[in-house]
Amino acid sequence: MHEETVIFPDDQGLMVMLVDDQAIVAERIRRDLLDSPQMDFHYCQDPHEALSVACAIRPTVILLDLLMPGVNGLDVVRTFRGNACTQHVPIIVLSTKEDPHVKAKAFAAGANDYLIKLPDREELNARILYHSRAYLARVQRDEAYRALRESQRELEQKNFELLRMSNIDGLTEVANRRRFDELIQEAWAHSRRTRSALALVMLDIDCFKPFNDHYGHLAGDDCLKRVAQTLQQELPRLTDTLARYGGEEFVVVLSATDLEGARRVAERLRQAVEALRIPHACSEAGDVVTISLGVAATHASASSQPQSLVAAADKMLYQAKHRGRNQVSSIDCILSTEAAS
């Protein structure tokens, strides 16, 4: 949880808090600060209430007596340092003796300065002013840093969202054609590098124009979204990528998948869409919405391009539609190339 802070310009709003059991000491210090109108003074006589008081008034410096009845001043220092609202507030400890051992323990506990009480008025004012300015500078720096980090996070989020939107089809919320063009290049390079199979499934919704004409474009959009969602859910692996190729046509990139594996995926997709039972009174393939699918598989090589795989899958899609729709047609590009040679 971030500390709530108020940034004061220059030396305005400096708050000096004294923790000391002796009221006479408090009165002396209060008078010493009268010549510094930019400094407000708050006196806390009970060291057990010091932390709650400090969190309430937000001092810019704390004056703390080391020797108070019933409490160890060093423990009070540690308490301040252990709390989020006071952990960075400068602490000037006041002691009655010049003892290097006590000084060392005070600094080890977290004190910023050490004064023999009662200190000279001019020196006291100078030290309070120095530590308060340093504290406010730190607060301003921390606030500026937090604001910068928040601005950076917002910018990163916006850039991520812009990138996502540039890669996602607005209607179906699957990858768009632009993203597919990148994906097929990446998958092709992976296939060449690992010498693994690569398959592509191209599909479209059977008789979609008559569907639109009969049921209307809103129903057509809903049909596209439901089909895309179903296709996405039926893909067996996170690495399998569905994209909208254009209109009612979709494409699935299946890395490390041979022809037989791709055919099984295609048949699974075909059955899932048919099982939606979306009425289609104008289809030549049945009374519900169906899809036709073309499958092509290959091993990428330096002598071929991914466009050849796309063309092969598209050819198989045309064949599936020509043979009556609502079916899968496939080709192994390696075998067909070997047969032609």
C-alpha atoms as a PDB file:
ATOM      1  CA  MET A   1       0.000   0.000   0.000  1.00  0.00           C
ATOM      2  CA  HIS A   2       1.444   3.356  -1.032  1.00  0.00           C
ATOM      3  CA  GLU A   3       1.941   6.038   1.591  1.00  0.00           C
ATOM      4  CA  GLU A   4      -0.379   9.010   1.154  1.00  0.00           C
ATOM      5  CA  THR A   5       1.707  12.144   1.079  1.00  0.00           C
ATOM      6  CA  VAL A   6       1.222  15.856   0.558  1.00  0.00           C
ATOM      7  CA  ILE A   7       3.878  17.683  -1.438  1.00  0.00           C
ATOM      8  CA  PHE A   8       4.644  21.140  -0.031  1.00  0.00           C
ATOM      9  CA  PRO A   9       6.435  23.795  -2.123  1.00  0.00           C
ATOM     10  CA  ASP A  10       9.778  25.026  -0.844  1.00  0.00           C
ATOM     11  CA  ASP A  11       9.801  25.071   2.979  1.00  0.00           C
ATOM     12  CA  GLN A  12       6.070  25.531   3.512  1.00  0.00           C
ATOM     13  CA  GLY A  13       4.236  23.007   5.685  1.00  0.00           C
ATOM     14  CA  LEU A  14       7.181  21.529   7.589  1.00  0.00           C
ATOM     15  CA  MET A  15       5.912  19.573  10.583  1.00  0.00           C
ATOM     16  CA  VAL A  16       8.199  18.964  13.572  1.00  0.00           C
ATOM     17  CA  MET A  17       7.073  16.295  16.028  1.00  0.00           C
ATOM     18  CA  LEU A  18       8.716  16.000  19.438  1.00  0.00           C
ATOM     19  CA  VAL A  19       8.446  12.813  21.510  1.00  0.00           C
ATOM     20  CA  ASP A  20       9.633  13.564  25.038  1.00  0.00           C
ATOM     21  CA  ASP A  21       8.199  12.984  28.507  1.00  0.00           C
ATOM     22  CA  GLN A  22       9.351  16.379  29.822  1.00  0.00           C
ATOM     23  CA  ALA A  23       6.995  19.269  29.087  1.00  0.00           C
ATOM     24  CA  ILE A  24       9.716  21.795  29.929  1.00  0.00           C
ATOM     25  CA  VAL A  25      11.850  20.439  27.073  1.00  0.00           C
ATOM     26  CA  ALA A  26       8.880  20.701  24.728  1.00  0.00           C
ATOM     27  CA  GLU A  27       8.313  24.338  25.700  1.00  0.00           C
ATOM     28  CA  ARG A  28      11.963  25.201  25.110  1.00  0.00           C
ATOM     29  CA  ILE A  29      11.985  23.624  21.638  1.00  0.00           C
ATOM     30  CA  ARG A  30       8.639  25.248  20.781  1.00  0.00           C
ATOM     31  CA  ARG A  31      10.145  28.672  21.565  1.00  0.00           C
ATOM     32  CA  ASP A  32      13.290  27.872  19.575  1.00  0.00           C
ATOM     33  CA  LEU A  33      11.153  27.232  16.507  1.00  0.00           C
ATOM     34  CA  LEU A  34       9.136  30.446  16.770  1.00  0.00           C
ATOM     35  CA  ASP A  35      11.579  32.262  14.495  1.00  0.00           C
ATOM     36  CA  SER A  36      10.843  29.702  11.755  1.00  0.00           C
ATOM     37  CA  PRO A  37       7.192  30.329  10.778  1.00  0.00           C
ATOM     38  CA  GLN A  38       7.364  27.650   8.086  1.00  0.00           C
ATOM     39  CA  MET A  39       7.661  25.000  10.826  1.00  0.00           C
ATOM     40  CA  ASP A  40       4.617  23.660  12.665  1.00  0.00           C
ATOM     41  CA  PHE A  41       5.282  22.025  16.028  1.00  0.00           C
ATOM     42  CA  HIS A  42       3.490  19.087  17.626  1.00  0.00           C
ATOM     43  CA  TYR A  43       4.333  17.682  21.036  1.00  0.00           C
ATOM     44  CA  CYS A  44       3.708  14.033  21.995  1.00  0.00           C
ATOM     45  CA  GLN A  45       4.399  13.325  25.673  1.00  0.00           C
ATOM     46  CA  ASP A  46       3.446   9.635  25.678  1.00  0.00           C
ATOM     47  CA  PRO A  47       5.928   7.534  23.640  1.00  0.00           C
ATOM     48  CA  HIS A  48       3.389   4.705  23.414  1.00  0.00           C
ATOM     49  CA  GLU A  49       1.141   6.974  21.329  1.00  0.00           C
ATOM     50  CA  ALA A  50       3.976   8.317  19.168  1.00  0.00           C
ATOM     51  CA  LEU A  51       3.379   6.059  16.178  1.00  0.00           C
ATOM     52  CA  SER A  52      -0.365   6.703  15.924  1.00  0.00           C
ATOM     53  CA  VAL A  53       0.205  10.439  16.362  1.00  0.00           C
ATOM     54  CA  ALA A  54       2.885  10.472  13.663  1.00  0.00           C
ATOM     55  CA  CYS A  55       0.647   8.600  11.228  1.00  0.00           C
ATOM     56  CA  ALA A  56      -2.086  11.165  11.890  1.00  0.00           C
ATOM     57  CA  ILE A  57      -0.073  14.394  11.548  1.00  0.00           C
ATOM     58  CA  ARG A  58       2.538  13.258   8.960  1.00  0.00           C
ATOM     59  CA  PRO A  59       5.659  14.962  10.372  1.00  0.00           C
ATOM     60  CA  THR A  60       8.562  15.904   8.132  1.00  0.00           C
ATOM     61  CA  VAL A  61      10.990  15.295  10.998  1.00  0.00           C
ATOM     62  CA  ILE A  62      10.736  13.578  14.411  1.00  0.00           C
ATOM     63  CA  LEU A  63      12.676  14.691  17.495  1.00  0.00           C
ATOM     64  CA  LEU A  64      12.906  11.763  19.898  1.00  0.00           C
ATOM     65  CA  ASP A  65      14.250  11.612  23.437  1.00  0.00           C
ATOM     66  CA  LEU A  66      16.219   8.423  24.025  1.00  0.00           C
ATOM     67  CA  LEU A  67      15.670   8.313  27.768  1.00  0.00           C
ATOM     68  CA  MET A  68      12.011   8.142  28.766  1.00  0.00           C
ATOM     69  CA  PRO A  69      10.431   6.232  31.670  1.00  0.00           C
ATOM     70  CA  GLY A  70       8.960   2.837  30.832  1.00  0.00           C
ATOM     71  CA  VAL A  71      10.265   2.702  27.280  1.00  0.00           C
ATOM     72  CA  ASN A  72      13.533   2.300  25.396  1.00  0.00           C
ATOM     73  CA  GLY A  73      13.989   5.152  22.932  1.00  0.00           C
ATOM     74  CA  LEU A  74      15.794   2.842  20.515  1.00  0.00           C
ATOM     75  CA  ASP A  75      12.715   0.598  20.449  1.00  0.00           C
ATOM     76  CA  VAL A  76      10.609   3.627  19.509  1.00  0.00           C
ATOM     77  CA  VAL A  77      13.025   4.337  16.643  1.00  0.00           C
ATOM     78  CA  ARG A  78      12.649   0.752  15.444  1.00  0.00           C
ATOM     79  CA  THR A  79       8.856   1.029  15.699  1.00  0.00           C
ATOM     80  CA  PHE A  80       8.893   4.103  13.483  1.00  0.00           C
ATOM     81  CA  ARG A  81      11.141   2.368  10.972  1.00  0.00           C
ATOM     82  CA  GLY A  82       8.901  -0.683  10.891  1.00  0.00           C
ATOM     83  CA  ASN A  83       5.764   1.202   9.886  1.00  0.00           C
ATOM     84  CA  ALA A  84       4.994   2.250   6.296  1.00  0.00           C
ATOM     85  CA  CYS A  85       3.842   5.770   7.156  1.00  0.00           C
ATOM     86  CA  THR A  86       6.982   6.638   9.183  1.00  0.00           C
ATOM     87  CA  GLN A  87       9.698   4.379   7.832  1.00  0.00           C
ATOM     88  CA  HIS A  88      11.358   7.188   5.853  1.00  0.00           C
ATOM     89  CA  VAL A  89      10.606  10.171   8.135  1.00  0.00           C
ATOM     90  CA  PRO A  90      13.914  11.608   9.472  1.00  0.00           C
ATOM     91  CA  ILE A  91      14.485  10.942  13.181  1.00  0.00           C
ATOM     92  CA  ILE A  92      16.778  13.152  15.273  1.00  0.00           C
ATOM     93  CA  VAL A  93      17.426  11.511  18.623  1.00  0.00           C
ATOM     94  CA  LEU A  94      18.047  13.682  21.682  1.00  0.00           C
ATOM     95  CA  SER A  95      20.351  12.444  24.408  1.00  0.00           C
ATOM     96  CA  THR A  96      21.842  13.874  27.563  1.00  0.00           C
ATOM     97  CA  LYS A  97      25.307  12.459  26.934  1.00  0.00           C
ATOM     98  CA  GLU A  98      27.930  12.350  24.221  1.00  0.00           C
ATOM     99  CA  ASP A  99      28.508   8.593  24.118  1.00  0.00           C
ATOM    100  CA  PRO A 100      29.905   7.031  20.899  1.00  0.00           C
ATOM    101  CA  HIS A 101      28.455   3.645  21.876  1.00  0.00           C
ATOM    102  CA  VAL A 102      24.952   5.092  22.326  1.00  0.00           C
ATOM    103  CA  LYS A 103      25.333   7.049  19.079  1.00  0.00           C
ATOM    104  CA  ALA A 104      26.277   3.896  17.189  1.00  0.00           C
ATOM    105  CA  LYS A 105      23.261   2.014  18.570  1.00  0.00           C
ATOM    106  CA  ALA A 106      20.959   4.915  17.668  1.00  0.00           C
ATOM    107  CA  PHE A 107      22.162   5.013  14.064  1.00  0.00           C
ATOM    108  CA  ALA A 108      21.963   1.225  13.849  1.00  0.00           C
ATOM    109  CA  ALA A 109      18.328   1.381  14.981  1.00  0.00           C
ATOM    110  CA  GLY A 110      17.515   3.824  12.170  1.00  0.00           C
ATOM    111  CA  ALA A 111      18.133   7.336  13.500  1.00  0.00           C
ATOM    112  CA  ASN A 112      19.229   9.999  11.010  1.00  0.00           C
ATOM    113  CA  ASP A 113      20.904  12.380  13.445  1.00  0.00           C
ATOM    114  CA  TYR A 114      22.022  12.712  17.059  1.00  0.00           C
ATOM    115  CA  LEU A 115      21.892  15.844  19.235  1.00  0.00           C
ATOM    116  CA  ILE A 116      22.818  16.532  22.828  1.00  0.00           C
ATOM    117  CA  LYS A 117      19.897  18.195  24.505  1.00  0.00           C
ATOM    118  CA  LEU A 118      19.132  20.866  24.804  1.00  0.00           C
ATOM    119  CA  PRO A 119      20.731  21.839  21.477  1.00  0.00           C
ATOM    120  CA  ASP A 120      21.604  25.319  20.329  1.00  0.00           C
ATOM    121  CA  ARG A 121      18.583  27.040  18.756  1.00  0.00           C
ATOM    122  CA  GLU A 122      20.327  27.903  15.508  1.00  0.00           C
ATOM    123  CA  GLU A 123      21.799  24.439  15.119  1.00  0.00           C
ATOM    124  CA  LEU A 124      18.451  22.805  15.921  1.00  0.00           C
ATOM    125  CA  ASN A 125      16.661  24.881  13.291  1.00  0.00           C
ATOM    126  CA  ALA A 126      19.341  24.150  10.711  1.00  0.00           C
ATOM    127  CA  ARG A 127      19.224  20.385  11.273  1.00  0.00           C
ATOM    128  CA  ILE A 128      15.434  20.277  11.249  1.00  0.00           C
ATOM    129  CA  LEU A 129      15.351  22.283   8.037  1.00  0.00           C
ATOM    130  CA  TYR A 130      18.012  20.108   6.404  1.00  0.00           C
ATOM    131  CA  HIS A 131      16.338  16.798   7.255  1.00  0.00           C
ATOM    132  CA  SER A 132      12.836  18.063   6.404  1.00  0.00           C
ATOM    133  CA  ARG A 133      13.953  19.311   2.995  1.00  0.00           C
ATOM    134  CA  ALA A 134      15.735  16.029   2.300  1.00  0.00           C
ATOM    135  CA  TYR A 135      12.616  14.082   3.312  1.00  0.00           C
ATOM    136  CA  LEU A 136      10.284  16.167   1.141  1.00  0.00           C
ATOM    137  CA  ALA A 137      12.683  15.846  -1.777  1.00  0.00           C
ATOM    138  CA  ARG A 138      12.583  12.080  -1.342  1.00  0.00           C
ATOM    139  CA  VAL A 139       8.779  12.112  -1.166  1.00  0.00           C
ATOM    140  CA  GLN A 140       8.591  14.204  -4.323  1.00  0.00           C
ATOM    141  CA  ARG A 141      11.034  11.886  -6.074  1.00  0.00           C
ATOM    142  CA  ASP A 142       9.125   8.801  -4.983  1.00  0.00           C
ATOM    143  CA  GLU A 143       5.820  10.321  -6.053  1.00  0.00           C
ATOM    144  CA  ALA A 144       7.295  11.290  -9.414  1.00  0.00           C
ATOM    145  CA  TYR A 145       8.709   7.791  -9.835  1.00  0.00           C
ATOM    146  CA  ARG A 146       5.372   6.186  -8.962  1.00  0.00           C
ATOM    147  CA  ALA A 147       3.597   8.501 -11.382  1.00  0.00           C
ATOM    148  CA  LEU A 148       6.133   7.621 -14.067  1.00  0.00           C
ATOM    149  CA  ARG A 149       5.777   3.894 -13.451  1.00  0.00           C
ATOM    150  CA  GLU A 150       1.999   4.180 -13.522  1.00  0.00           C
ATOM    151  CA  SER A 151       2.212   6.118 -16.784  1.00  0.00           C
ATOM    152  CA  GLN A 152       4.525   3.464 -18.202  1.00  0.00           C
ATOM    153  CA  ARG A 153       2.163   0.676 -17.124  1.00  0.00           C
ATOM    154  CA  GLU A 154      -0.776   2.460 -18.728  1.00  0.00           C
ATOM    155  CA  LEU A 155       1.216   2.972 -21.929  1.00  0.00           C
ATOM    156  CA  GLU A 156       2.295  -0.677 -21.966  1.00  0.00           C
ATOM    157  CA  GLN A 157      -1.308  -1.762 -21.468  1.00  0.00           C
ATOM    158  CA  LYS A 158      -2.526   0.501 -24.259  1.00  0.00           C
ATOM    159  CA  ASN A 159       0.233  -0.714 -26.589  1.00  0.00           C
ATOM    160  CA  PHE A 160      -0.644  -4.316 -25.750  1.00  0.00           C
ATOM    161  CA  GLU A 161      -4.307  -3.628 -26.391  1.00  0.00           C
ATOM    162  CA  LEU A 162      -3.513  -1.931 -29.707  1.00  0.00           C
ATOM    163  CA  LEU A 163      -1.369  -4.895 -30.724  1.00  0.00           C
ATOM    164  CA  ARG A 164      -4.103  -7.307 -29.713  1.00  0.00           C
ATOM    165  CA  MET A 165      -6.711  -5.327 -31.633  1.00  0.00           C
ATOM    166  CA  SER A 166      -4.493  -5.230 -34.711  1.00  0.00           C
ATOM    167  CA  ASN A 167      -4.252  -9.039 -34.606  1.00  0.00           C
ATOM    168  CA  ILE A 168      -7.866  -9.880 -33.747  1.00  0.00           C
ATOM    169  CA  ASP A 169     -10.904  -9.972 -35.988  1.00  0.00           C
ATOM    170  CA  GLY A 170     -13.398  -7.519 -34.519  1.00  0.00           C
ATOM    171  CA  LEU A 171     -16.499  -9.646 -35.114  1.00  0.00           C
ATOM    172  CA  THR A 172     -15.403 -13.185 -34.267  1.00  0.00           C
ATOM    173  CA  GLU A 173     -12.539 -12.294 -31.860  1.00  0.00           C
ATOM    174  CA  VAL A 174     -10.208 -14.872 -33.390  1.00  0.00           C
ATOM    175  CA  ALA A 175      -6.971 -14.051 -35.196  1.00  0.00           C
ATOM    176  CA  ASN A 176      -7.443 -11.949 -38.316  1.00  0.00           C
ATOM    177  CA  ARG A 177      -5.980 -12.336 -41.816  1.00  0.00           C
ATOM    178  CA  ARG A 178      -3.026 -10.108 -40.950  1.00  0.00           C
ATOM    179  CA  ARG A 179      -2.136 -12.309 -37.986  1.00  0.00           C
ATOM    180  CA  PHE A 180      -2.585 -15.455 -40.079  1.00  0.00           C
ATOM    181  CA  ASP A 181      -0.058 -14.185 -42.619  1.00  0.00           C
ATOM    182  CA  GLU A 182       2.448 -13.836 -39.756  1.00  0.00           C
ATOM    183  CA  LEU A 183       1.538 -17.184 -38.199  1.00  0.00           C
ATOM    184  CA  ILE A 184       1.987 -19.201 -41.369  1.00  0.00           C
ATOM    185  CA  GLN A 185       5.440 -17.692 -41.880  1.00  0.00           C
ATOM    186  CA  GLU A 186       6.385 -18.528 -38.289  1.00  0.00           C
ATOM    187  CA  ALA A 187       5.009 -22.063 -38.564  1.00  0.00           C
ATOM    188  CA  TRP A 188       6.791 -22.583 -41.884  1.00  0.00           C
ATOM    189  CA  ALA A 189      10.110 -21.506 -40.384  1.00  0.00           C
ATOM    190  CA  HIS A 190       9.550 -23.825 -37.406  1.00  0.00           C
ATOM    191  CA  SER A 191       8.770 -26.734 -39.719  1.00  0.00           C
ATOM    192  CA  ARG A 192      11.982 -26.145 -41.670  1.00  0.00           C
ATOM    193  CA  ARG A 193      14.048 -25.786 -38.512  1.00  0.00           C
ATOM    194  CA  THR A 194      12.668 -28.875 -36.737  1.00  0.00           C
ATOM    195  CA  ARG A 195      11.895 -30.914 -39.884  1.00  0.00           C
ATOM    196  CA  SER A 196       8.417 -31.488 -38.496  1.00  0.00           C
ATOM    197  CA  ALA A 197       5.133 -31.757 -40.375  1.00  0.00           C
ATOM    198  CA  LEU A 198       2.915 -28.733 -40.912  1.00  0.00           C
ATOM    199  CA  ALA A 199      -0.782 -28.868 -41.779  1.00  0.00           C
ATOM    200  CA  LEU A 200      -3.387 -26.324 -42.764  1.00  0.00           C
ATOM    201  CA  VAL A 201      -7.168 -26.575 -42.625  1.00  0.00           C
ATOM    202  CA  MET A 202      -9.212 -24.152 -44.705  1.00  0.00           C
ATOM    203  CA  LEU A 203     -12.962 -24.107 -44.194  1.00  0.00           C
ATOM    204  CA  ASP A 204     -15.999 -22.019 -44.883  1.00  0.00           C
ATOM    205  CA  ILE A 205     -19.648 -22.017 -43.937  1.00  0.00           C
ATOM    206  CA  ASP A 206     -21.753 -23.751 -46.554  1.00  0.00           C
ATOM    207  CA  CYS A 207     -24.193 -21.545 -48.485  1.00  0.00           C
ATOM    208  CA  PHE A 208     -23.583 -18.559 -46.242  1.00  0.00           C
ATOM    209  CA  LYS A 209     -24.830 -15.912 -48.699  1.00  0.00           C
ATOM    210  CA  PRO A 210     -28.286 -17.504 -48.879  1.00  0.00           C
ATOM    211  CA  PHE A 211     -28.238 -17.669 -45.059  1.00  0.00           C
ATOM    212  CA  ASN A 212     -27.574 -13.932 -44.885  1.00  0.00           C
ATOM    213  CA  ASP A 213     -30.208 -13.163 -47.491  1.00  0.00           C
ATOM    214  CA  HIS A 214     -32.815 -15.284 -45.731  1.00  0.00           C
ATOM    215  CA  TYR A 215     -32.159 -14.558 -42.041  1.00  0.00           C
ATOM    216  CA  GLY A 216     -30.564 -11.109 -42.257  1.00  0.00           C
ATOM    217  CA  HIS A 217     -27.092  -9.763 -41.600  1.00  0.00           C
ATOM    218  CA  LEU A 218     -27.484  -9.648 -37.806  1.00  0.00           C
ATOM    219  CA  ALA A 219     -28.254 -13.357 -37.791  1.00  0.00           C
ATOM    220  CA  GLY A 220     -25.330 -13.845 -40.173  1.00  0.00           C
ATOM    221  CA  ASP A 221     -22.965 -12.063 -37.792  1.00  0.00           C
ATOM    222  CA  ASP A 222     -24.244 -14.156 -34.881  1.00  0.00           C
ATOM    223  CA  CYS A 223     -23.734 -17.304 -36.932  1.00  0.00           C
ATOM    224  CA  LEU A 224     -20.135 -16.335 -37.712  1.00  0.00           C
ATOM    225  CA  LYS A 225     -19.435 -15.658 -34.031  1.00  0.00           C
ATOM    226  CA  ARG A 226     -20.960 -18.945 -32.852  1.00  0.00           C
ATOM    227  CA  VAL A 227     -19.098 -20.950 -35.471  1.00  0.00           C
ATOM    228  CA  ALA A 228     -15.783 -19.229 -34.665  1.00  0.00           C
ATOM    229  CA  GLN A 229     -16.263 -19.796 -30.930  1.00  0.00           C
ATOM    230  CA  THR A 230     -17.034 -23.467 -31.509  1.00  0.00           C
ATOM    231  CA  LEU A 231     -14.038 -23.956 -33.778  1.00  0.00           C
ATOM    232  CA  GLN A 232     -11.783 -22.297 -31.208  1.00  0.00           C
ATOM    233  CA  GLN A 233     -13.073 -24.500 -28.400  1.00  0.00           C
ATOM    234  CA  GLU A 234     -12.637 -27.690 -30.395  1.00  0.00           C
ATOM    235  CA  LEU A 235      -8.972 -27.178 -31.248  1.00  0.00           C
ATOM    236  CA  PRO A 236      -7.091 -29.806 -29.203  1.00  0.00           C
ATOM    237  CA  ARG A 237      -3.897 -27.820 -28.463  1.00  0.00           C
ATOM    238  CA  LEU A 238      -3.085 -24.299 -27.375  1.00  0.00           C
ATOM    239  CA  THR A 239      -0.586 -24.119 -30.227  1.00  0.00           C
ATOM    240  CA  ASP A 240      -3.333 -24.745 -32.820  1.00  0.00           C
ATOM    241  CA  THR A 241      -4.375 -21.363 -34.194  1.00  0.00           C
ATOM    242  CA  LEU A 242      -7.665 -20.371 -35.745  1.00  0.00           C
ATOM    243  CA  ALA A 243      -7.942 -17.269 -37.933  1.00  0.00           C
ATOM    244  CA  ARG A 244     -10.660 -15.636 -39.967  1.00  0.00           C
ATOM    245  CA  TYR A 245      -9.389 -15.709 -43.533  1.00  0.00           C
ATOM    246  CA  GLY A 246     -12.123 -13.546 -44.993  1.00  0.00           C
ATOM    247  CA  GLY A 247     -15.924 -13.390 -45.089  1.00  0.00           C
ATOM    248  CA  GLU A 248     -17.237 -16.774 -43.937  1.00  0.00           C
ATOM    249  CA  GLU A 249     -13.881 -18.502 -44.485  1.00  0.00           C
ATOM    250  CA  PHE A 250     -11.561 -19.605 -41.679  1.00  0.00           C
ATOM    251  CA  VAL A 251      -8.153 -21.264 -41.522  1.00  0.00           C
ATOM    252  CA  VAL A 252      -6.432 -23.389 -38.881  1.00  0.00           C
ATOM    253  CA  VAL A 253      -2.648 -23.670 -38.574  1.00  0.00           C
ATOM    254  CA  LEU A 254      -1.553 -27.024 -37.114  1.00  0.00           C
ATOM    255  CA  SER A 255       2.149 -27.182 -36.324  1.00  0.00           C
ATOM    256  CA  ALA A 256       3.853 -30.563 -35.865  1.00  0.00           C
ATOM    257  CA  THR A 257       0.815 -32.301 -37.379  1.00  0.00           C
ATOM    258  CA  ASP A 258       0.781 -34.776 -40.255  1.00  0.00           C
ATOM    259  CA  LEU A 259      -2.034 -35.307 -42.730  1.00  0.00           C
ATOM    260  CA  GLU A 260      -3.817 -37.965 -40.694  1.00  0.00           C
ATOM    261  CA  GLY A 261      -3.734 -35.848 -37.544  1.00  0.00           C
ATOM    262  CA  ALA A 262      -5.002 -32.824 -39.456  1.00  0.00           C
ATOM    263  CA  ARG A 263      -7.843 -34.854 -40.965  1.00  0.00           C
ATOM    264  CA  ARG A 264      -8.945 -35.919 -37.476  1.00  0.00           C
ATOM    265  CA  VAL A 265      -8.962 -32.300 -36.323  1.00  0.00           C
ATOM    266  CA  ALA A 266     -10.925 -31.224 -39.415  1.00  0.00           C
ATOM    267  CA  GLU A 267     -13.545 -33.926 -38.910  1.00  0.00           C
ATOM    268  CA  ARG A 268     -13.873 -32.929 -35.259  1.00  0.00           C
ATOM    269  CA  LEU A 269     -14.492 -29.332 -36.313  1.00  0.00           C
ATOM    270  CA  ARG A 270     -17.040 -30.368 -38.928  1.00  0.00           C
ATOM    271  CA  GLN A 271     -19.036 -32.416 -36.443  1.00  0.00           C
ATOM    272  CA  ALA A 272     -18.922 -29.682 -33.782  1.00  0.00           C
ATOM    273  CA  VAL A 273     -20.380 -27.052 -36.117  1.00  0.00           C
ATOM    274  CA  GLU A 274     -23.097 -29.380 -37.352  1.00  0.00           C
ATOM    275  CA  ALA A 275     -23.956 -30.184 -33.724  1.00  0.00           C
ATOM    276  CA  LEU A 276     -24.779 -26.501 -33.112  1.00  0.00           C
ATOM    277  CA  ARG A 277     -27.998 -27.145 -35.041  1.00  0.00           C
ATOM    278  CA  ILE A 278     -28.234 -23.584 -36.326  1.00  0.00           C
ATOM    279  CA  PRO A 279     -31.236 -23.632 -38.695  1.00  0.00           C
ATOM    280  CA  HIS A 280     -30.409 -23.046 -42.369  1.00  0.00           C
ATOM    281  CA  ALA A 281     -33.463 -23.390 -44.590  1.00  0.00           C
ATOM    282  CA  CYS A 282     -31.572 -22.347 -47.719  1.00  0.00           C
ATOM    283  CA  SER A 283     -28.589 -24.734 -47.534  1.00  0.00           C
ATOM    284  CA  GLU A 284     -27.881 -27.309 -50.209  1.00  0.00           C
ATOM    285  CA  ALA A 285     -26.032 -29.440 -47.627  1.00  0.00           C
ATOM    286  CA  GLY A 286     -28.847 -29.931 -45.089  1.00  0.00           C
ATOM    287  CA  ASP A 287     -31.254 -28.075 -42.848  1.00  0.00           C
ATOM    288  CA  VAL A 288     -28.632 -26.728 -40.417  1.00  0.00           C
ATOM    289  CA  VAL A 289     -25.438 -24.708 -40.763  1.00  0.00           C
ATOM    290  CA  THR A 290     -22.488 -26.868 -41.876  1.00  0.00           C
ATOM    291  CA  ILE A 291     -18.915 -26.322 -43.014  1.00  0.00           C
ATOM    292  CA  SER A 292     -16.710 -27.706 -45.780  1.00  0.00           C
ATOM    293  CA  LEU A 293     -13.027 -28.227 -45.079  1.00  0.00           C
ATOM    294  CA  GLY A 294      -9.849 -28.623 -47.116  1.00  0.00           C
ATOM    295  CA  VAL A 295      -6.741 -30.094 -45.488  1.00  0.00           C
ATOM    296  CA  ALA A 296      -3.153 -29.990 -46.724  1.00  0.00           C
ATOM    297  CA  ALA A 297       0.009 -31.179 -44.979  1.00  0.00           C
ATOM    298  CA  THR A 298       3.696 -30.925 -45.830  1.00  0.00           C
ATOM    299  CA  HIS A 299       7.235 -30.600 -44.511  1.00  0.00           C
ATOM    300  CA  ALA A 300       8.549 -27.111 -45.180  1.00  0.00           C
ATOM    301  CA  SER A 301      11.652 -26.856 -47.339  1.00  0.00           C
ATOM    302  CA  ALA A 302      13.897 -24.194 -48.756  1.00  0.00           C
ATOM    303  CA  SER A 303      12.596 -24.922 -52.258  1.00  0.00           C
ATOM    304  CA  SER A 304       8.939 -24.182 -51.409  1.00  0.00           C
ATOM    305  CA  GLN A 305       6.893 -21.396 -49.851  1.00  0.00           C
ATOM    306  CA  PRO A 306       3.986 -21.387 -47.386  1.00  0.00           C
ATOM    307  CA  GLN A 307       1.743 -20.038 -50.138  1.00  0.00           C
ATOM    308  CA  SER A 308       1.950 -23.462 -51.768  1.00  0.00           C
ATOM    309  CA  LEU A 309       0.411 -25.041 -48.657  1.00  0.00           C
ATOM    310  CA  VAL A 310      -2.323 -22.394 -48.570  1.00  0.00           C
ATOM    311  CA  ALA A 311      -3.088 -22.995 -52.236  1.00  0.00           C
ATOM    312  CA  ALA A 312      -3.248 -26.763 -51.689  1.00  0.00           C
ATOM    313  CA  ALA A 313      -5.650 -26.419 -48.729  1.00  0.00           C
ATOM    314  CA  ASP A 314      -7.800 -23.981 -50.714  1.00  0.00           C
ATOM    315  CA  LYS A 315      -7.926 -26.451 -53.603  1.00  0.00           C
ATOM    316  CA  MET A 316      -9.089 -29.190 -51.235  1.00  0.00           C
ATOM    317  CA  LEU A 317     -11.737 -26.865 -49.819  1.00  0.00           C
ATOM    318  CA  TYR A 318     -13.065 -26.271 -53.328  1.00  0.00           C
ATOM    319  CA  GLN A 319     -13.082 -30.047 -53.866  1.00  0.00           C
ATOM    320  CA  ALA A 320     -15.079 -30.645 -50.661  1.00  0.00           C
ATOM    321  CA  LYS A 321     -17.659 -28.067 -51.748  1.00  0.00           C
ATOM    322  CA  HIS A 322     -17.802 -29.477 -55.277  1.00  0.00           C
ATOM    323  CA  ARG A 323     -18.441 -32.972 -53.896  1.00  0.00           C
ATOM    324  CA  GLY A 324     -21.522 -31.894 -51.954  1.00  0.00           C
ATOM    325  CA  ARG A 325     -20.285 -29.784 -48.959  1.00  0.00           C
ATOM    326  CA  ASN A 326     -20.283 -30.690 -45.245  1.00  0.00           C
ATOM    327  CA  GLN A 327     -17.223 -32.884 -45.689  1.00  0.00           C
ATOM    328  CA  VAL A 328     -13.419 -32.970 -45.530  1.00  0.00           C
ATOM    329  CA  SER A 329     -11.070 -33.265 -48.516  1.00  0.00           C
ATOM    330  CA  SER A 330      -7.317 -33.590 -48.011  1.00  0.00           C
ATOM    331  CA  ILE A 331      -3.985 -33.854 -49.759  1.00  0.00           C
ATOM    332  CA  ASP A 332      -0.460 -34.733 -48.716  1.00  0.00           C
ATOM    333  CA  CYS A 333       1.667 -32.167 -50.533  1.00  0.00           C
ATOM    334  CA  ILE A 334       4.832 -34.258 -50.184  1.00  0.00           C
ATOM    335  CA  LEU A 335       3.299 -37.343 -51.766  1.00  0.00           C
ATOM    336  CA  SER A 336       1.641 -35.342 -54.526  1.00  0.00           C
ATOM    337  CA  THR A 337       4.950 -33.619 -55.279  1.00  0.00           C
ATOM    338  CA  GLU A 338       6.768 -36.959 -55.387  1.00  0.00           C
ATOM    339  CA  ALA A 339       4.090 -38.438 -57.641  1.00  0.00           C
ATOM    340  CA  ALA A 340       4.471 -35.551 -60.052  1.00  0.00           C
ATOM    341  CA  SER A 341       8.256 -35.830 -60.205  1.00  0.00           C
END
